[in-house]
Amino acid sequence: MDKNIYLDNAAATRLDERVLEAMNPYYFDNYSIATSEFGYSMGIDAKDALDQARAAIAKKLGAATSEFIFTSGSAESSNLALKGVAKALGQKKGKHIIISKIEDFPVLYSAKALEKEGFKIDYVEVDEFGIINFEQLEQLITKETILVSIQHANQEIGTLQDVEKIGNLCWKKHVLFHTDATHSFTRVPLDVNIIPADLITVSAHTIHGPKGVGGLYVKVPR
């Protein structure tokens, strides 16, 4: 009998049995929609479970619970990050966004969609190892730049960007910084108290969680 060898964990991972066990009660027993404290008991229990999950993930990022938003996956998270910033700051500050040439499709496609709406998108070059040209990034930032989006880890070659250095540059230039951490979250350290990121994309499907679940860290001024 032939045995399959799966070599595409960067795209999707097998669901861990412990995850399924933890989720099972909310499929068959307490399947209510999460409600407010004034709702019924099943809804309140569901909300408590959701809040606990949110707190656990936020803690892993070093973030406050209120800074983490659940989404349907990494595509929605990155889409929300780029288009949300564009809609919020496009008319107030400028219409210039910078991304790298090797971003994953959610960032690339969101940027291309914004380009059709009149936003200027600049693409930072990378070297043979996939590392961005930091000097070029610094030169590309202008007074109209509203967002820099550089992935933490590349999904094809595994390159890790120096997001702390990139984030510090953006902070000094008063530009928001988004990083897609879909392929690095829980695999390498990622602490928002060290890395000055304003927005971080994460997803469950690459860390043995269910498909259709992701999240976006949104920095709240403290």
C-alpha atoms as a PDB file:
ATOM      1  CA  MET A   1       0.000   0.000   0.000  1.00  0.00           C
ATOM      2  CA  ASP A   2       1.351   3.399  -1.009  1.00  0.00           C
ATOM      3  CA  LYS A   3       1.886   5.917   1.764  1.00  0.00           C
ATOM      4  CA  ASN A   4       1.386   9.615   1.108  1.00  0.00           C
ATOM      5  CA  ILE A   5       4.027  12.023   2.361  1.00  0.00           C
ATOM      6  CA  TYR A   6       2.652  15.523   2.829  1.00  0.00           C
ATOM      7  CA  LEU A   7       5.161  18.336   2.296  1.00  0.00           C
ATOM      8  CA  ASP A   8       2.943  21.421   2.165  1.00  0.00           C
ATOM      9  CA  ASN A   9       2.501  22.471   5.793  1.00  0.00           C
ATOM     10  CA  ALA A  10       3.245  26.064   4.787  1.00  0.00           C
ATOM     11  CA  ALA A  11      -0.095  26.033   2.956  1.00  0.00           C
ATOM     12  CA  ALA A  12      -2.221  24.059   5.416  1.00  0.00           C
ATOM     13  CA  THR A  13      -1.660  21.752   8.359  1.00  0.00           C
ATOM     14  CA  ARG A  14      -3.531  18.736   9.667  1.00  0.00           C
ATOM     15  CA  LEU A  15      -5.960  19.553  12.463  1.00  0.00           C
ATOM     16  CA  ASP A  16      -4.569  18.522  15.835  1.00  0.00           C
ATOM     17  CA  GLU A  17      -6.846  16.046  17.662  1.00  0.00           C
ATOM     18  CA  ARG A  18      -6.587  18.166  20.817  1.00  0.00           C
ATOM     19  CA  VAL A  19      -7.974  21.131  18.921  1.00  0.00           C
ATOM     20  CA  LEU A  20     -10.906  19.071  17.667  1.00  0.00           C
ATOM     21  CA  GLU A  21     -11.532  17.808  21.199  1.00  0.00           C
ATOM     22  CA  ALA A  22     -11.599  21.375  22.531  1.00  0.00           C
ATOM     23  CA  MET A  23     -13.946  22.520  19.763  1.00  0.00           C
ATOM     24  CA  ASN A  24     -16.304  19.528  19.832  1.00  0.00           C
ATOM     25  CA  PRO A  25     -18.578  20.754  22.660  1.00  0.00           C
ATOM     26  CA  TYR A  26     -19.298  23.945  20.711  1.00  0.00           C
ATOM     27  CA  TYR A  27     -20.443  21.971  17.678  1.00  0.00           C
ATOM     28  CA  PHE A  28     -22.768  19.524  19.421  1.00  0.00           C
ATOM     29  CA  ASP A  29     -23.606  20.717  22.944  1.00  0.00           C
ATOM     30  CA  ASN A  30     -23.134  24.440  23.397  1.00  0.00           C
ATOM     31  CA  TYR A  31     -23.672  25.484  19.773  1.00  0.00           C
ATOM     32  CA  SER A  32     -25.311  28.814  20.544  1.00  0.00           C
ATOM     33  CA  ILE A  33     -24.169  32.110  19.054  1.00  0.00           C
ATOM     34  CA  ALA A  34     -22.099  34.107  21.572  1.00  0.00           C
ATOM     35  CA  THR A  35     -24.344  36.692  23.214  1.00  0.00           C
ATOM     36  CA  SER A  36     -24.029  39.516  25.716  1.00  0.00           C
ATOM     37  CA  GLU A  37     -24.333  39.171  29.471  1.00  0.00           C
ATOM     38  CA  PHE A  38     -28.070  39.849  29.076  1.00  0.00           C
ATOM     39  CA  GLY A  39     -28.574  36.836  26.794  1.00  0.00           C
ATOM     40  CA  TYR A  40     -29.441  33.238  27.643  1.00  0.00           C
ATOM     41  CA  SER A  41     -27.099  30.784  29.382  1.00  0.00           C
ATOM     42  CA  MET A  42     -25.853  28.881  26.303  1.00  0.00           C
ATOM     43  CA  GLY A  43     -25.037  32.137  24.539  1.00  0.00           C
ATOM     44  CA  ILE A  44     -23.223  33.493  27.592  1.00  0.00           C
ATOM     45  CA  ASP A  45     -21.186  30.271  27.886  1.00  0.00           C
ATOM     46  CA  ALA A  46     -20.287  30.532  24.202  1.00  0.00           C
ATOM     47  CA  LYS A  47     -19.189  34.134  24.683  1.00  0.00           C
ATOM     48  CA  ASP A  48     -17.053  33.161  27.678  1.00  0.00           C
ATOM     49  CA  ALA A  49     -15.322  30.487  25.576  1.00  0.00           C
ATOM     50  CA  LEU A  50     -14.761  32.977  22.753  1.00  0.00           C
ATOM     51  CA  ASP A  51     -13.331  35.545  25.165  1.00  0.00           C
ATOM     52  CA  GLN A  52     -10.987  32.940  26.670  1.00  0.00           C
ATOM     53  CA  ALA A  53      -9.750  31.971  23.195  1.00  0.00           C
ATOM     54  CA  ARG A  54      -9.205  35.623  22.296  1.00  0.00           C
ATOM     55  CA  ALA A  55      -7.275  36.235  25.510  1.00  0.00           C
ATOM     56  CA  ALA A  56      -5.040  33.192  24.949  1.00  0.00           C
ATOM     57  CA  ILE A  57      -4.093  34.275  21.428  1.00  0.00           C
ATOM     58  CA  ALA A  58      -3.579  37.904  22.440  1.00  0.00           C
ATOM     59  CA  LYS A  59      -1.323  36.761  25.283  1.00  0.00           C
ATOM     60  CA  LYS A  60       0.791  34.791  22.798  1.00  0.00           C
ATOM     61  CA  LEU A  61       1.366  38.074  20.947  1.00  0.00           C
ATOM     62  CA  GLY A  62       1.992  40.057  24.117  1.00  0.00           C
ATOM     63  CA  ALA A  63      -1.123  42.057  23.318  1.00  0.00           C
ATOM     64  CA  ALA A  64      -4.186  43.159  25.246  1.00  0.00           C
ATOM     65  CA  THR A  65      -7.284  41.009  24.710  1.00  0.00           C
ATOM     66  CA  SER A  66      -9.157  43.976  23.213  1.00  0.00           C
ATOM     67  CA  GLU A  67      -6.469  44.313  20.517  1.00  0.00           C
ATOM     68  CA  PHE A  68      -7.264  40.974  18.845  1.00  0.00           C
ATOM     69  CA  ILE A  69     -10.039  40.547  16.289  1.00  0.00           C
ATOM     70  CA  PHE A  70     -11.197  37.155  14.996  1.00  0.00           C
ATOM     71  CA  THR A  71     -11.601  36.825  11.222  1.00  0.00           C
ATOM     72  CA  SER A  72     -12.328  34.031   8.750  1.00  0.00           C
ATOM     73  CA  GLY A  73      -8.640  33.599   7.964  1.00  0.00           C
ATOM     74  CA  SER A  74      -5.419  35.280   6.870  1.00  0.00           C
ATOM     75  CA  ALA A  75      -6.937  36.599   3.630  1.00  0.00           C
ATOM     76  CA  GLU A  76      -9.627  38.546   5.471  1.00  0.00           C
ATOM     77  CA  SER A  77      -7.131  39.747   8.094  1.00  0.00           C
ATOM     78  CA  SER A  78      -4.663  41.188   5.565  1.00  0.00           C
ATOM     79  CA  ASN A  79      -7.504  42.549   3.450  1.00  0.00           C
ATOM     80  CA  LEU A  80      -8.909  44.308   6.491  1.00  0.00           C
ATOM     81  CA  ALA A  81      -5.495  45.665   7.459  1.00  0.00           C
ATOM     82  CA  LEU A  82      -4.638  47.199   4.093  1.00  0.00           C
ATOM     83  CA  LYS A  83      -8.080  48.396   3.051  1.00  0.00           C
ATOM     84  CA  GLY A  84      -8.953  49.533   6.558  1.00  0.00           C
ATOM     85  CA  VAL A  85      -5.905  51.778   6.751  1.00  0.00           C
ATOM     86  CA  ALA A  86      -6.513  52.981   3.199  1.00  0.00           C
ATOM     87  CA  LYS A  87     -10.101  53.994   3.947  1.00  0.00           C
ATOM     88  CA  ALA A  88      -9.177  55.564   7.292  1.00  0.00           C
ATOM     89  CA  LEU A  89      -6.128  57.568   6.203  1.00  0.00           C
ATOM     90  CA  GLY A  90      -6.384  57.870   2.422  1.00  0.00           C
ATOM     91  CA  GLN A  91      -8.105  61.233   2.523  1.00  0.00           C
ATOM     92  CA  LYS A  92      -6.415  62.467   5.707  1.00  0.00           C
ATOM     93  CA  LYS A  93      -2.728  61.784   5.110  1.00  0.00           C
ATOM     94  CA  GLY A  94      -2.003  60.267   1.725  1.00  0.00           C
ATOM     95  CA  LYS A  95      -2.523  57.408  -0.701  1.00  0.00           C
ATOM     96  CA  HIS A  96       0.867  55.752  -0.652  1.00  0.00           C
ATOM     97  CA  ILE A  97       1.422  52.147   0.491  1.00  0.00           C
ATOM     98  CA  ILE A  98       4.623  50.093   0.415  1.00  0.00           C
ATOM     99  CA  ILE A  99       4.796  46.284   0.275  1.00  0.00           C
ATOM    100  CA  SER A 100       7.485  43.783  -0.689  1.00  0.00           C
ATOM    101  CA  LYS A 101       7.533  41.956  -4.013  1.00  0.00           C
ATOM    102  CA  ILE A 102       7.171  38.556  -2.347  1.00  0.00           C
ATOM    103  CA  GLU A 103       4.103  39.126  -0.177  1.00  0.00           C
ATOM    104  CA  ASP A 104       1.477  36.384  -0.049  1.00  0.00           C
ATOM    105  CA  PHE A 105      -1.596  36.761  -2.266  1.00  0.00           C
ATOM    106  CA  PRO A 106      -3.912  38.433   0.306  1.00  0.00           C
ATOM    107  CA  VAL A 107      -1.546  41.404   0.599  1.00  0.00           C
ATOM    108  CA  LEU A 108      -0.632  41.488  -3.100  1.00  0.00           C
ATOM    109  CA  TYR A 109      -4.246  41.353  -4.280  1.00  0.00           C
ATOM    110  CA  SER A 110      -5.411  43.913  -1.716  1.00  0.00           C
ATOM    111  CA  ALA A 111      -2.652  46.257  -2.865  1.00  0.00           C
ATOM    112  CA  LYS A 112      -3.579  45.771  -6.520  1.00  0.00           C
ATOM    113  CA  ALA A 113      -7.240  46.482  -5.727  1.00  0.00           C
ATOM    114  CA  LEU A 114      -6.275  49.708  -3.937  1.00  0.00           C
ATOM    115  CA  GLU A 115      -4.087  50.662  -6.892  1.00  0.00           C
ATOM    116  CA  LYS A 116      -7.208  50.644  -9.062  1.00  0.00           C
ATOM    117  CA  GLU A 117      -8.806  53.039  -6.580  1.00  0.00           C
ATOM    118  CA  GLY A 118      -6.027  55.585  -7.028  1.00  0.00           C
ATOM    119  CA  PHE A 119      -3.552  54.520  -4.355  1.00  0.00           C
ATOM    120  CA  LYS A 120       0.139  54.483  -5.216  1.00  0.00           C
ATOM    121  CA  ILE A 121       1.765  51.137  -4.418  1.00  0.00           C
ATOM    122  CA  ASP A 122       5.540  50.749  -4.279  1.00  0.00           C
ATOM    123  CA  TYR A 123       7.134  47.310  -4.209  1.00  0.00           C
ATOM    124  CA  VAL A 124      10.355  46.828  -2.250  1.00  0.00           C
ATOM    125  CA  GLU A 125      12.976  44.611  -3.912  1.00  0.00           C
ATOM    126  CA  VAL A 126      14.380  41.524  -2.189  1.00  0.00           C
ATOM    127  CA  ASP A 127      17.769  39.839  -2.527  1.00  0.00           C
ATOM    128  CA  GLU A 128      18.475  36.228  -3.516  1.00  0.00           C
ATOM    129  CA  PHE A 129      17.552  35.118   0.006  1.00  0.00           C
ATOM    130  CA  GLY A 130      14.254  36.991   0.038  1.00  0.00           C
ATOM    131  CA  ILE A 131      15.434  39.732   2.422  1.00  0.00           C
ATOM    132  CA  ILE A 132      14.031  43.160   1.624  1.00  0.00           C
ATOM    133  CA  ASN A 133      16.254  46.036   0.565  1.00  0.00           C
ATOM    134  CA  PHE A 134      16.035  48.100   3.757  1.00  0.00           C
ATOM    135  CA  GLU A 135      17.738  51.161   2.265  1.00  0.00           C
ATOM    136  CA  GLN A 136      15.228  51.190  -0.594  1.00  0.00           C
ATOM    137  CA  LEU A 137      12.344  50.902   1.870  1.00  0.00           C
ATOM    138  CA  GLU A 138      13.671  53.891   3.799  1.00  0.00           C
ATOM    139  CA  GLN A 139      13.967  55.925   0.599  1.00  0.00           C
ATOM    140  CA  LEU A 140      10.453  55.016  -0.565  1.00  0.00           C
ATOM    141  CA  ILE A 141       8.739  56.364   2.570  1.00  0.00           C
ATOM    142  CA  THR A 142       7.322  59.844   2.012  1.00  0.00           C
ATOM    143  CA  LYS A 143       5.034  62.204   3.897  1.00  0.00           C
ATOM    144  CA  GLU A 144       2.094  60.607   2.066  1.00  0.00           C
ATOM    145  CA  THR A 145       2.979  57.038   3.043  1.00  0.00           C
ATOM    146  CA  ILE A 146       0.247  55.608   5.266  1.00  0.00           C
ATOM    147  CA  LEU A 147       1.258  51.950   5.524  1.00  0.00           C
ATOM    148  CA  VAL A 148       4.180  49.559   5.091  1.00  0.00           C
ATOM    149  CA  SER A 149       3.232  45.880   4.818  1.00  0.00           C
ATOM    150  CA  ILE A 150       6.105  43.388   4.971  1.00  0.00           C
ATOM    151  CA  GLN A 151       5.516  39.727   5.791  1.00  0.00           C
ATOM    152  CA  HIS A 152       7.301  38.182   8.770  1.00  0.00           C
ATOM    153  CA  ALA A 153       8.055  34.818   7.132  1.00  0.00           C
ATOM    154  CA  ASN A 154       7.795  33.897   3.471  1.00  0.00           C
ATOM    155  CA  GLN A 155       5.497  30.993   2.662  1.00  0.00           C
ATOM    156  CA  GLU A 156       7.711  29.558  -0.102  1.00  0.00           C
ATOM    157  CA  ILE A 157      11.323  29.921   1.046  1.00  0.00           C
ATOM    158  CA  GLY A 158      10.907  30.553   4.773  1.00  0.00           C
ATOM    159  CA  THR A 159      12.796  33.842   4.848  1.00  0.00           C
ATOM    160  CA  LEU A 160      12.375  35.733   8.104  1.00  0.00           C
ATOM    161  CA  GLN A 161      12.384  39.513   7.811  1.00  0.00           C
ATOM    162  CA  ASP A 162      13.782  41.758  10.543  1.00  0.00           C
ATOM    163  CA  VAL A 163      10.359  43.083  11.492  1.00  0.00           C
ATOM    164  CA  GLU A 164      11.714  44.805  14.591  1.00  0.00           C
ATOM    165  CA  LYS A 165      14.035  46.923  12.447  1.00  0.00           C
ATOM    166  CA  ILE A 166      11.290  47.599   9.899  1.00  0.00           C
ATOM    167  CA  GLY A 167       8.804  48.474  12.630  1.00  0.00           C
ATOM    168  CA  ASN A 168      11.208  50.909  14.281  1.00  0.00           C
ATOM    169  CA  LEU A 169      11.768  52.644  10.949  1.00  0.00           C
ATOM    170  CA  CYS A 170       8.019  53.011  10.428  1.00  0.00           C
ATOM    171  CA  TRP A 171       7.575  54.297  13.977  1.00  0.00           C
ATOM    172  CA  LYS A 172      10.251  56.959  13.423  1.00  0.00           C
ATOM    173  CA  LYS A 173       8.638  57.955  10.128  1.00  0.00           C
ATOM    174  CA  HIS A 174       5.110  58.028  11.642  1.00  0.00           C
ATOM    175  CA  VAL A 175       3.910  55.311   9.253  1.00  0.00           C
ATOM    176  CA  LEU A 176       1.735  52.342  10.213  1.00  0.00           C
ATOM    177  CA  PHE A 177       3.342  48.914   9.920  1.00  0.00           C
ATOM    178  CA  HIS A 178       1.510  45.678   9.084  1.00  0.00           C
ATOM    179  CA  THR A 179       3.146  42.265   9.004  1.00  0.00           C
ATOM    180  CA  ASP A 180       1.626  39.023   7.770  1.00  0.00           C
ATOM    181  CA  ALA A 181       2.676  36.476  10.405  1.00  0.00           C
ATOM    182  CA  THR A 182       0.602  33.609   9.015  1.00  0.00           C
ATOM    183  CA  HIS A 183       3.719  31.501   8.566  1.00  0.00           C
ATOM    184  CA  SER A 184       5.603  32.502  11.706  1.00  0.00           C
ATOM    185  CA  PHE A 185       3.047  32.884  14.510  1.00  0.00           C
ATOM    186  CA  THR A 186       3.829  30.397  17.345  1.00  0.00           C
ATOM    187  CA  ARG A 187       6.872  29.125  15.414  1.00  0.00           C
ATOM    188  CA  VAL A 188       9.214  31.996  16.222  1.00  0.00           C
ATOM    189  CA  PRO A 189       8.952  34.692  18.931  1.00  0.00           C
ATOM    190  CA  LEU A 190       6.536  37.486  18.051  1.00  0.00           C
ATOM    191  CA  ASP A 191       5.908  39.987  20.831  1.00  0.00           C
ATOM    192  CA  VAL A 192       4.288  43.346  20.122  1.00  0.00           C
ATOM    193  CA  ASN A 193       6.088  44.808  23.129  1.00  0.00           C
ATOM    194  CA  ILE A 194       9.348  44.241  21.246  1.00  0.00           C
ATOM    195  CA  ILE A 195       8.240  44.508  17.626  1.00  0.00           C
ATOM    196  CA  PRO A 196       6.529  47.864  16.987  1.00  0.00           C
ATOM    197  CA  ALA A 197       3.854  46.523  14.643  1.00  0.00           C
ATOM    198  CA  ASP A 198       0.469  48.222  14.356  1.00  0.00           C
ATOM    199  CA  LEU A 199      -1.269  45.334  12.606  1.00  0.00           C
ATOM    200  CA  ILE A 200      -0.436  41.607  12.544  1.00  0.00           C
ATOM    201  CA  THR A 201      -2.151  38.903  10.508  1.00  0.00           C
ATOM    202  CA  VAL A 202      -2.369  35.392  11.987  1.00  0.00           C
ATOM    203  CA  SER A 203      -4.226  32.252  10.964  1.00  0.00           C
ATOM    204  CA  ALA A 204      -5.150  28.878  12.461  1.00  0.00           C
ATOM    205  CA  HIS A 205      -4.758  26.715   9.366  1.00  0.00           C
ATOM    206  CA  THR A 206      -0.934  26.845   9.455  1.00  0.00           C
ATOM    207  CA  ILE A 207      -0.614  25.883  13.145  1.00  0.00           C
ATOM    208  CA  HIS A 208      -2.784  22.731  13.233  1.00  0.00           C
ATOM    209  CA  GLY A 209      -5.975  24.665  13.862  1.00  0.00           C
ATOM    210  CA  PRO A 210      -9.207  24.691  11.851  1.00  0.00           C
ATOM    211  CA  LYS A 211      -9.538  26.273   8.427  1.00  0.00           C
ATOM    212  CA  GLY A 212     -11.724  29.349   8.259  1.00  0.00           C
ATOM    213  CA  VAL A 213     -10.360  30.923  11.441  1.00  0.00           C
ATOM    214  CA  GLY A 214      -7.840  33.746  11.592  1.00  0.00           C
ATOM    215  CA  GLY A 215      -7.210  36.974  13.374  1.00  0.00           C
ATOM    216  CA  LEU A 216      -5.845  40.481  13.211  1.00  0.00           C
ATOM    217  CA  TYR A 217      -3.908  42.256  15.927  1.00  0.00           C
ATOM    218  CA  VAL A 218      -4.730  45.968  15.914  1.00  0.00           C
ATOM    219  CA  LYS A 219      -2.581  48.143  18.150  1.00  0.00           C
ATOM    220  CA  VAL A 220      -4.462  50.324  20.586  1.00  0.00           C
ATOM    221  CA  PRO A 221      -2.491  53.324  21.929  1.00  0.00           C
ATOM    222  CA  ARG A 222      -1.658  52.731  25.599  1.00  0.00           C
END
